[in-house]
Amino acid sequence: MNNSHAVDVAQVAAYLSVDLDAGLSDSDVFKARSRYGRNELAPEEGTPLWKLILKQFDDLLVKILLAAAVADFIIAMSDGDGILGALVEPCVIILILIANGEGRGCGTPNQEGPQNRGGYLPAPSTAGSG
């Protein structure tokens, strides 16, 4: 039946051999599932974490911060701070960038969050004022 949306409910039920009062029996459900599969959508595949982190480094400001981290490392090494002292600030900058990238991509399309609203917060409610 190609036009079941335009046909009377009783005609569709008769075509599918379904009792409108009783619904489908367990065996009918099992047969339909084995023939057509479950009545559900396949879950969307999320973006892998490593892609989100790499995407974070595609921003101009992030590239500037990375350049600053490299420059800070070179300056600290030339001042004789030692390798451990020279790595502190660049590592902090890189960890902040990674955490920032991870926070932007968390969540699924069904979840509410700033990343799913274009980064905007909801408008303040005016209910109950005045």
Foldseek 3Di string as FASTA:
>chain_A
DVPPVPDDPVVVCVVVVADPVPGDDPVRVVVCCVVPNDPDDDDDDADDLVVLLVVLCVDPVNVVLLVVLVVQLVVCVVVVVDNVSSNPVSVVSSVVSSVVSNVLRDDDCVDDDCNNVVNDDDDDDPPPPD
